[in-house]
Amino acid sequence: MKRYHAIFDGRVQGVGMRGFCMMEAQSRGLTGSVKNLENGMVEIYVQGDEDLIDEFLGAVKQGNRFIRVDDYTIQEVPVVSGEKHFSYGWD
């Protein structure tokens, strides 16, 4: 079990990125959260099996026809025990 904190920059707000992340995480059984930041970036916490997290982050970096990731940072953070869902953070 691993947990990561990631910040994504680019065309990541107003393009459905939070919903995209939610679907990608839930389809892999991952927990955590995604939310827009005031500076135009998107913040993600994701927790679960490391291979599934790698798949998830790969999908997010690739985006879709609306999302464009120009830059990102990812760092490992402590696991949150008892977390059960991937949530959609509000601005």
PDB file of N, CA and C in Angstrom:
ATOM      1  N   MET A   1       0.856  -1.182   0.000  1.00  0.00           N
ATOM      2  CA  MET A   1       0.000   0.000   0.000  1.00  0.00           C
ATOM      3  C   MET A   1       0.895   1.235   0.000  1.00  0.00           C
ATOM      4  N   LYS A   2       0.614   2.146  -0.917  1.00  0.00           N
ATOM      5  CA  LYS A   2       1.359   3.402  -1.041  1.00  0.00           C
ATOM      6  C   LYS A   2       0.365   4.551  -1.149  1.00  0.00           C
ATOM      7  N   ARG A   3       0.862   5.755  -0.893  1.00  0.00           N
ATOM      8  CA  ARG A   3       0.058   6.972  -1.061  1.00  0.00           C
ATOM      9  C   ARG A   3       0.957   8.036  -1.670  1.00  0.00           C
ATOM     10  N   TYR A   4       0.409   8.760  -2.638  1.00  0.00           N
ATOM     11  CA  TYR A   4       1.159   9.816  -3.306  1.00  0.00           C
ATOM     12  C   TYR A   4       0.353  11.104  -3.345  1.00  0.00           C
ATOM     13  N   HIS A   5       1.089  12.206  -3.309  1.00  0.00           N
ATOM     14  CA  HIS A   5       0.532  13.550  -3.483  1.00  0.00           C
ATOM     15  C   HIS A   5       1.068  14.061  -4.811  1.00  0.00           C
ATOM     16  N   ALA A   6       0.187  14.530  -5.681  1.00  0.00           N
ATOM     17  CA  ALA A   6       0.599  15.004  -7.000  1.00  0.00           C
ATOM     18  C   ALA A   6      -0.059  16.339  -7.306  1.00  0.00           C
ATOM     19  N   ILE A   7       0.682  17.189  -7.998  1.00  0.00           N
ATOM     20  CA  ILE A   7       0.172  18.471  -8.493  1.00  0.00           C
ATOM     21  C   ILE A   7       0.354  18.466 -10.005  1.00  0.00           C
ATOM     22  N   PHE A   8      -0.714  18.784 -10.730  1.00  0.00           N
ATOM     23  CA  PHE A   8      -0.677  18.818 -12.188  1.00  0.00           C
ATOM     24  C   PHE A   8      -0.946  20.232 -12.681  1.00  0.00           C
ATOM     25  N   ASP A   9      -0.154  20.650 -13.669  1.00  0.00           N
ATOM     26  CA  ASP A   9      -0.277  21.979 -14.265  1.00  0.00           C
ATOM     27  C   ASP A   9      -0.510  21.818 -15.763  1.00  0.00           C
ATOM     28  N   GLY A  10      -1.139  22.802 -16.364  1.00  0.00           N
ATOM     29  CA  GLY A  10      -1.437  22.787 -17.794  1.00  0.00           C
ATOM     30  C   GLY A  10      -2.888  23.183 -17.994  1.00  0.00           C
ATOM     31  N   ARG A  11      -3.530  22.592 -18.996  1.00  0.00           N
ATOM     32  CA  ARG A  11      -4.970  22.815 -19.187  1.00  0.00           C
ATOM     33  C   ARG A  11      -5.673  21.728 -18.380  1.00  0.00           C
ATOM     34  N   VAL A  12      -5.812  21.992 -17.080  1.00  0.00           N
ATOM     35  CA  VAL A  12      -6.296  20.975 -16.149  1.00  0.00           C
ATOM     36  C   VAL A  12      -7.546  21.401 -15.377  1.00  0.00           C
ATOM     37  N   GLN A  13      -7.980  22.642 -15.532  1.00  0.00           N
ATOM     38  CA  GLN A  13      -9.216  23.091 -14.895  1.00  0.00           C
ATOM     39  C   GLN A  13     -10.218  23.479 -15.972  1.00  0.00           C
ATOM     40  N   GLY A  14     -11.486  23.196 -15.690  1.00  0.00           N
ATOM     41  CA  GLY A  14     -12.543  23.528 -16.634  1.00  0.00           C
ATOM     42  C   GLY A  14     -12.614  22.575 -17.817  1.00  0.00           C
ATOM     43  N   VAL A  15     -11.951  21.431 -17.707  1.00  0.00           N
ATOM     44  CA  VAL A  15     -11.906  20.466 -18.812  1.00  0.00           C
ATOM     45  C   VAL A  15     -12.324  19.060 -18.365  1.00  0.00           C
ATOM     46  N   GLY A  16     -12.901  18.943 -17.174  1.00  0.00           N
ATOM     47  CA  GLY A  16     -13.376  17.654 -16.688  1.00  0.00           C
ATOM     48  C   GLY A  16     -12.317  16.777 -16.050  1.00  0.00           C
ATOM     49  N   MET A  17     -11.207  17.380 -15.637  1.00  0.00           N
ATOM     50  CA  MET A  17     -10.124  16.557 -15.089  1.00  0.00           C
ATOM     51  C   MET A  17     -10.510  15.875 -13.784  1.00  0.00           C
ATOM     52  N   ARG A  18     -11.234  16.571 -12.918  1.00  0.00           N
ATOM     53  CA  ARG A  18     -11.593  15.942 -11.640  1.00  0.00           C
ATOM     54  C   ARG A  18     -12.478  14.716 -11.862  1.00  0.00           C
ATOM     55  N   GLY A  19     -13.450  14.837 -12.745  1.00  0.00           N
ATOM     56  CA  GLY A  19     -14.305  13.692 -13.063  1.00  0.00           C
ATOM     57  C   GLY A  19     -13.527  12.560 -13.711  1.00  0.00           C
ATOM     58  N   PHE A  20     -12.597  12.912 -14.604  1.00  0.00           N
ATOM     59  CA  PHE A  20     -11.737  11.930 -15.261  1.00  0.00           C
ATOM     60  C   PHE A  20     -10.916  11.174 -14.212  1.00  0.00           C
ATOM     61  N   CYS A  21     -10.319  11.913 -13.284  1.00  0.00           N
ATOM     62  CA  CYS A  21      -9.518  11.291 -12.221  1.00  0.00           C
ATOM     63  C   CYS A  21     -10.374  10.380 -11.353  1.00  0.00           C
ATOM     64  N   MET A  22     -11.568  10.836 -11.045  1.00  0.00           N
ATOM     65  CA  MET A  22     -12.480  10.054 -10.217  1.00  0.00           C
ATOM     66  C   MET A  22     -12.785   8.706 -10.887  1.00  0.00           C
ATOM     67  N   MET A  23     -13.118   8.738 -12.165  1.00  0.00           N
ATOM     68  CA  MET A  23     -13.426   7.496 -12.887  1.00  0.00           C
ATOM     69  C   MET A  23     -12.209   6.577 -12.967  1.00  0.00           C
ATOM     70  N   GLU A  24     -11.041   7.156 -13.275  1.00  0.00           N
ATOM     71  CA  GLU A  24      -9.820   6.354 -13.391  1.00  0.00           C
ATOM     72  C   GLU A  24      -9.446   5.717 -12.053  1.00  0.00           C
ATOM     73  N   ALA A  25      -9.584   6.464 -10.966  1.00  0.00           N
ATOM     74  CA  ALA A  25      -9.249   5.934  -9.638  1.00  0.00           C
ATOM     75  C   ALA A  25     -10.246   4.863  -9.212  1.00  0.00           C
ATOM     76  N   GLN A  26     -11.532   5.149  -9.369  1.00  0.00           N
ATOM     77  CA  GLN A  26     -12.555   4.196  -8.942  1.00  0.00           C
ATOM     78  C   GLN A  26     -12.477   2.898  -9.733  1.00  0.00           C
ATOM     79  N   SER A  27     -12.142   2.982 -11.013  1.00  0.00           N
ATOM     80  CA  SER A  27     -12.053   1.766 -11.833  1.00  0.00           C
ATOM     81  C   SER A  27     -10.900   0.867 -11.384  1.00  0.00           C
ATOM     82  N   ARG A  28      -9.958   1.430 -10.655  1.00  0.00           N
ATOM     83  CA  ARG A  28      -8.811   0.657 -10.155  1.00  0.00           C
ATOM     84  C   ARG A  28      -8.902   0.365  -8.655  1.00  0.00           C
ATOM     85  N   GLY A  29      -9.981   0.799  -8.012  1.00  0.00           N
ATOM     86  CA  GLY A  29     -10.149   0.564  -6.584  1.00  0.00           C
ATOM     87  C   GLY A  29      -9.231   1.400  -5.714  1.00  0.00           C
ATOM     88  N   LEU A  30      -8.802   2.566  -6.220  1.00  0.00           N
ATOM     89  CA  LEU A  30      -7.907   3.447  -5.468  1.00  0.00           C
ATOM     90  C   LEU A  30      -8.710   4.417  -4.618  1.00  0.00           C
ATOM     91  N   THR A  31      -8.107   4.904  -3.551  1.00  0.00           N
ATOM     92  CA  THR A  31      -8.737   5.911  -2.705  1.00  0.00           C
ATOM     93  C   THR A  31      -7.930   7.201  -2.784  1.00  0.00           C
ATOM     94  N   GLY A  32      -8.504   8.278  -2.245  1.00  0.00           N
ATOM     95  CA  GLY A  32      -7.817   9.563  -2.236  1.00  0.00           C
ATOM     96  C   GLY A  32      -8.767  10.685  -2.581  1.00  0.00           C
ATOM     97  N   SER A  33      -8.231  11.717  -3.247  1.00  0.00           N
ATOM     98  CA  SER A  33      -9.054  12.872  -3.600  1.00  0.00           C
ATOM     99  C   SER A  33      -8.412  13.648  -4.743  1.00  0.00           C
ATOM    100  N   VAL A  34      -9.241  14.462  -5.385  1.00  0.00           N
ATOM    101  CA  VAL A  34      -8.772  15.364  -6.433  1.00  0.00           C
ATOM    102  C   VAL A  34      -9.490  16.689  -6.244  1.00  0.00           C
ATOM    103  N   LYS A  35      -8.750  17.806  -6.382  1.00  0.00           N
ATOM    104  CA  LYS A  35      -9.399  19.115  -6.275  1.00  0.00           C
ATOM    105  C   LYS A  35      -8.624  20.158  -7.059  1.00  0.00           C
ATOM    106  N   ASN A  36      -9.367  21.185  -7.491  1.00  0.00           N
ATOM    107  CA  ASN A  36      -8.759  22.337  -8.147  1.00  0.00           C
ATOM    108  C   ASN A  36      -8.097  23.223  -7.102  1.00  0.00           C
ATOM    109  N   LEU A  37      -6.968  23.812  -7.474  1.00  0.00           N
ATOM    110  CA  LEU A  37      -6.297  24.788  -6.621  1.00  0.00           C
ATOM    111  C   LEU A  37      -6.522  26.183  -7.185  1.00  0.00           C
ATOM    112  N   GLU A  38      -6.415  27.183  -6.335  1.00  0.00           N
ATOM    113  CA  GLU A  38      -6.642  28.567  -6.757  1.00  0.00           C
ATOM    114  C   GLU A  38      -5.655  29.030  -7.818  1.00  0.00           C
ATOM    115  N   ASN A  39      -4.481  28.414  -7.892  1.00  0.00           N
ATOM    116  CA  ASN A  39      -3.450  28.831  -8.850  1.00  0.00           C
ATOM    117  C   ASN A  39      -3.630  28.203 -10.233  1.00  0.00           C
ATOM    118  N   GLY A  40      -4.749  27.492 -10.448  1.00  0.00           N
ATOM    119  CA  GLY A  40      -5.025  26.895 -11.745  1.00  0.00           C
ATOM    120  C   GLY A  40      -4.546  25.467 -11.895  1.00  0.00           C
ATOM    121  N   MET A  41      -3.896  24.943 -10.876  1.00  0.00           N
ATOM    122  CA  MET A  41      -3.409  23.567 -10.918  1.00  0.00           C
ATOM    123  C   MET A  41      -4.431  22.628 -10.281  1.00  0.00           C
ATOM    124  N   VAL A  42      -4.189  21.332 -10.408  1.00  0.00           N
ATOM    125  CA  VAL A  42      -5.044  20.317  -9.794  1.00  0.00           C
ATOM    126  C   VAL A  42      -4.192  19.491  -8.836  1.00  0.00           C
ATOM    127  N   GLU A  43      -4.738  19.242  -7.645  1.00  0.00           N
ATOM    128  CA  GLU A  43      -4.055  18.467  -6.612  1.00  0.00           C
ATOM    129  C   GLU A  43      -4.726  17.105  -6.466  1.00  0.00           C
ATOM    130  N   ILE A  44      -3.906  16.066  -6.413  1.00  0.00           N
ATOM    131  CA  ILE A  44      -4.415  14.704  -6.264  1.00  0.00           C
ATOM    132  C   ILE A  44      -3.679  14.011  -5.117  1.00  0.00           C
ATOM    133  N   TYR A  45      -4.444  13.330  -4.275  1.00  0.00           N
ATOM    134  CA  TYR A  45      -3.904  12.350  -3.334  1.00  0.00           C
ATOM    135  C   TYR A  45      -4.449  11.009  -3.804  1.00  0.00           C
ATOM    136  N   VAL A  46      -3.584  10.023  -3.941  1.00  0.00           N
ATOM    137  CA  VAL A  46      -4.033   8.707  -4.397  1.00  0.00           C
ATOM    138  C   VAL A  46      -3.346   7.630  -3.567  1.00  0.00           C
ATOM    139  N   GLN A  47      -4.129   6.611  -3.198  1.00  0.00           N
ATOM    140  CA  GLN A  47      -3.635   5.560  -2.315  1.00  0.00           C
ATOM    141  C   GLN A  47      -4.108   4.202  -2.808  1.00  0.00           C
ATOM    142  N   GLY A  48      -3.215   3.213  -2.704  1.00  0.00           N
ATOM    143  CA  GLY A  48      -3.566   1.846  -3.078  1.00  0.00           C
ATOM    144  C   GLY A  48      -2.335   1.072  -3.501  1.00  0.00           C
ATOM    145  N   ASP A  49      -2.562   0.030  -4.290  1.00  0.00           N
ATOM    146  CA  ASP A  49      -1.489  -0.800  -4.821  1.00  0.00           C
ATOM    147  C   ASP A  49      -0.611   0.033  -5.755  1.00  0.00           C
ATOM    148  N   GLU A  50       0.697  -0.070  -5.602  1.00  0.00           N
ATOM    149  CA  GLU A  50       1.612   0.782  -6.370  1.00  0.00           C
ATOM    150  C   GLU A  50       1.472   0.599  -7.880  1.00  0.00           C
ATOM    151  N   ASP A  51       1.261  -0.629  -8.346  1.00  0.00           N
ATOM    152  CA  ASP A  51       1.092  -0.845  -9.786  1.00  0.00           C
ATOM    153  C   ASP A  51      -0.161  -0.147 -10.309  1.00  0.00           C
ATOM    154  N   LEU A  52      -1.239  -0.189  -9.532  1.00  0.00           N
ATOM    155  CA  LEU A  52      -2.479   0.471  -9.935  1.00  0.00           C
ATOM    156  C   LEU A  52      -2.331   1.988  -9.889  1.00  0.00           C
ATOM    157  N   ILE A  53      -1.589   2.491  -8.913  1.00  0.00           N
ATOM    158  CA  ILE A  53      -1.316   3.929  -8.852  1.00  0.00           C
ATOM    159  C   ILE A  53      -0.510   4.353 -10.069  1.00  0.00           C
ATOM    160  N   ASP A  54       0.479   3.560 -10.458  1.00  0.00           N
ATOM    161  CA  ASP A  54       1.269   3.879 -11.655  1.00  0.00           C
ATOM    162  C   ASP A  54       0.381   3.950 -12.892  1.00  0.00           C
ATOM    163  N   GLU A  55      -0.549   2.996 -13.033  1.00  0.00           N
ATOM    164  CA  GLU A  55      -1.497   3.023 -14.156  1.00  0.00           C
ATOM    165  C   GLU A  55      -2.344   4.288 -14.110  1.00  0.00           C
ATOM    166  N   PHE A  56      -2.860   4.606 -12.922  1.00  0.00           N
ATOM    167  CA  PHE A  56      -3.700   5.790 -12.739  1.00  0.00           C
ATOM    168  C   PHE A  56      -2.946   7.057 -13.121  1.00  0.00           C
ATOM    169  N   LEU A  57      -1.742   7.224 -12.579  1.00  0.00           N
ATOM    170  CA  LEU A  57      -0.966   8.435 -12.862  1.00  0.00           C
ATOM    171  C   LEU A  57      -0.594   8.515 -14.341  1.00  0.00           C
ATOM    172  N   GLY A  58      -0.330   7.381 -14.961  1.00  0.00           N
ATOM    173  CA  GLY A  58      -0.061   7.367 -16.397  1.00  0.00           C
ATOM    174  C   GLY A  58      -1.254   7.856 -17.194  1.00  0.00           C
ATOM    175  N   ALA A  59      -2.450   7.409 -16.814  1.00  0.00           N
ATOM    176  CA  ALA A  59      -3.672   7.849 -17.492  1.00  0.00           C
ATOM    177  C   ALA A  59      -3.888   9.344 -17.294  1.00  0.00           C
ATOM    178  N   VAL A  60      -3.647   9.836 -16.077  1.00  0.00           N
ATOM    179  CA  VAL A  60      -3.830  11.264 -15.797  1.00  0.00           C
ATOM    180  C   VAL A  60      -2.828  12.095 -16.591  1.00  0.00           C
ATOM    181  N   LYS A  61      -1.573  11.670 -16.633  1.00  0.00           N
ATOM    182  CA  LYS A  61      -0.552  12.408 -17.395  1.00  0.00           C
ATOM    183  C   LYS A  61      -0.902  12.458 -18.876  1.00  0.00           C
ATOM    184  N   GLN A  62      -1.456  11.374 -19.386  1.00  0.00           N
ATOM    185  CA  GLN A  62      -1.849  11.326 -20.796  1.00  0.00           C
ATOM    186  C   GLN A  62      -3.084  12.180 -21.043  1.00  0.00           C
ATOM    187  N   GLY A  63      -3.990  12.227 -20.070  1.00  0.00           N
ATOM    188  CA  GLY A  63      -5.200  13.023 -20.193  1.00  0.00           C
ATOM    189  C   GLY A  63      -6.142  12.474 -21.247  1.00  0.00           C
ATOM    190  N   ASN A  64      -6.943  13.386 -21.802  1.00  0.00           N
ATOM    191  CA  ASN A  64      -7.845  13.034 -22.892  1.00  0.00           C
ATOM    192  C   ASN A  64      -7.817  14.181 -23.899  1.00  0.00           C
ATOM    193  N   ARG A  65      -8.780  14.262 -24.760  1.00  0.00           N
ATOM    194  CA  ARG A  65      -8.713  15.309 -25.791  1.00  0.00           C
ATOM    195  C   ARG A  65      -8.914  16.717 -25.235  1.00  0.00           C
ATOM    196  N   PHE A  66      -9.375  16.836 -24.006  1.00  0.00           N
ATOM    197  CA  PHE A  66      -9.573  18.148 -23.390  1.00  0.00           C
ATOM    198  C   PHE A  66      -8.451  18.493 -22.408  1.00  0.00           C
ATOM    199  N   ILE A  67      -8.004  17.506 -21.662  1.00  0.00           N
ATOM    200  CA  ILE A  67      -6.975  17.698 -20.634  1.00  0.00           C
ATOM    201  C   ILE A  67      -5.597  17.696 -21.285  1.00  0.00           C
ATOM    202  N   ARG A  68      -4.766  18.666 -20.867  1.00  0.00           N
ATOM    203  CA  ARG A  68      -3.372  18.679 -21.326  1.00  0.00           C
ATOM    204  C   ARG A  68      -2.481  18.959 -20.119  1.00  0.00           C
ATOM    205  N   VAL A  69      -1.679  17.984 -19.737  1.00  0.00           N
ATOM    206  CA  VAL A  69      -0.755  18.138 -18.616  1.00  0.00           C
ATOM    207  C   VAL A  69       0.579  18.615 -19.166  1.00  0.00           C
ATOM    208  N   ASP A  70       1.017  19.797 -18.706  1.00  0.00           N
ATOM    209  CA  ASP A  70       2.307  20.350 -19.125  1.00  0.00           C
ATOM    210  C   ASP A  70       3.421  20.037 -18.133  1.00  0.00           C
ATOM    211  N   ASP A  71       3.066  19.935 -16.857  1.00  0.00           N
ATOM    212  CA  ASP A  71       4.063  19.700 -15.820  1.00  0.00           C
ATOM    213  C   ASP A  71       3.373  19.049 -14.626  1.00  0.00           C
ATOM    214  N   TYR A  72       4.134  18.341 -13.824  1.00  0.00           N
ATOM    215  CA  TYR A  72       3.571  17.709 -12.634  1.00  0.00           C
ATOM    216  C   TYR A  72       4.680  17.402 -11.640  1.00  0.00           C
ATOM    217  N   THR A  73       4.290  17.286 -10.380  1.00  0.00           N
ATOM    218  CA  THR A  73       5.183  16.803  -9.334  1.00  0.00           C
ATOM    219  C   THR A  73       4.453  15.686  -8.602  1.00  0.00           C
ATOM    220  N   ILE A  74       5.190  14.672  -8.202  1.00  0.00           N
ATOM    221  CA  ILE A  74       4.614  13.540  -7.480  1.00  0.00           C
ATOM    222  C   ILE A  74       5.569  13.179  -6.353  1.00  0.00           C
ATOM    223  N   GLN A  75       5.022  13.041  -5.142  1.00  0.00           N
ATOM    224  CA  GLN A  75       5.861  12.610  -4.024  1.00  0.00           C
ATOM    225  C   GLN A  75       5.093  11.638  -3.142  1.00  0.00           C
ATOM    226  N   GLU A  76       5.815  10.687  -2.587  1.00  0.00           N
ATOM    227  CA  GLU A  76       5.200   9.730  -1.676  1.00  0.00           C
ATOM    228  C   GLU A  76       4.936  10.412  -0.341  1.00  0.00           C
ATOM    229  N   VAL A  77       3.777  10.114   0.234  1.00  0.00           N
ATOM    230  CA  VAL A  77       3.376  10.653   1.535  1.00  0.00           C
ATOM    231  C   VAL A  77       2.862   9.490   2.384  1.00  0.00           C
ATOM    232  N   PRO A  78       2.698   9.703   3.697  1.00  0.00           N
ATOM    233  CA  PRO A  78       2.230   8.611   4.559  1.00  0.00           C
ATOM    234  C   PRO A  78       0.825   8.121   4.178  1.00  0.00           C
ATOM    235  N   VAL A  79       0.636   6.818   4.295  1.00  0.00           N
ATOM    236  CA  VAL A  79      -0.661   6.184   4.033  1.00  0.00           C
ATOM    237  C   VAL A  79      -1.673   6.666   5.066  1.00  0.00           C
ATOM    238  N   VAL A  80      -2.915   6.875   4.627  1.00  0.00           N
ATOM    239  CA  VAL A  80      -4.015   7.244   5.518  1.00  0.00           C
ATOM    240  C   VAL A  80      -4.826   5.974   5.777  1.00  0.00           C
ATOM    241  N   SER A  81      -4.709   5.437   6.978  1.00  0.00           N
ATOM    242  CA  SER A  81      -5.422   4.192   7.281  1.00  0.00           C
ATOM    243  C   SER A  81      -6.924   4.461   7.371  1.00  0.00           C
ATOM    244  N   GLY A  82      -7.692   3.515   6.896  1.00  0.00           N
ATOM    245  CA  GLY A  82      -9.145   3.623   6.973  1.00  0.00           C
ATOM    246  C   GLY A  82      -9.793   4.390   5.838  1.00  0.00           C
ATOM    247  N   GLU A  83      -9.012   4.949   4.929  1.00  0.00           N
ATOM    248  CA  GLU A  83      -9.606   5.681   3.799  1.00  0.00           C
ATOM    249  C   GLU A  83     -10.322   4.679   2.894  1.00  0.00           C
ATOM    250  N   LYS A  84     -11.565   4.990   2.519  1.00  0.00           N
ATOM    251  CA  LYS A  84     -12.372   4.023   1.785  1.00  0.00           C
ATOM    252  C   LYS A  84     -12.778   4.467   0.386  1.00  0.00           C
ATOM    253  N   HIS A  85     -12.663   5.754   0.058  1.00  0.00           N
ATOM    254  CA  HIS A  85     -13.196   6.254  -1.209  1.00  0.00           C
ATOM    255  C   HIS A  85     -12.220   7.208  -1.878  1.00  0.00           C
ATOM    256  N   PHE A  86     -12.456   7.446  -3.140  1.00  0.00           N
ATOM    257  CA  PHE A  86     -11.780   8.520  -3.864  1.00  0.00           C
ATOM    258  C   PHE A  86     -12.803   9.634  -3.977  1.00  0.00           C
ATOM    259  N   SER A  87     -12.493  10.798  -3.431  1.00  0.00           N
ATOM    260  CA  SER A  87     -13.475  11.880  -3.371  1.00  0.00           C
ATOM    261  C   SER A  87     -13.113  13.035  -4.292  1.00  0.00           C
ATOM    262  N   TYR A  88     -14.121  13.765  -4.616  1.00  0.00           N
ATOM    263  CA  TYR A  88     -14.063  14.911  -5.510  1.00  0.00           C
ATOM    264  C   TYR A  88     -14.024  16.145  -4.628  1.00  0.00           C
ATOM    265  N   GLY A  89     -12.865  16.776  -4.510  1.00  0.00           N
ATOM    266  CA  GLY A  89     -12.749  17.965  -3.675  1.00  0.00           C
ATOM    267  C   GLY A  89     -13.384  19.171  -4.336  1.00  0.00           C
ATOM    268  N   TRP A  90     -13.932  20.035  -3.558  1.00  0.00           N
ATOM    269  CA  TRP A  90     -14.565  21.254  -4.074  1.00  0.00           C
ATOM    270  C   TRP A  90     -13.618  22.409  -3.904  1.00  0.00           C
ATOM    271  N   ASP A  91     -13.728  23.373  -4.793  1.00  0.00           N
ATOM    272  CA  ASP A  91     -12.863  24.563  -4.765  1.00  0.00           C
ATOM    273  C   ASP A  91     -13.125  25.361  -3.508  1.00  0.00           C
TER     274      ASP A  91
END
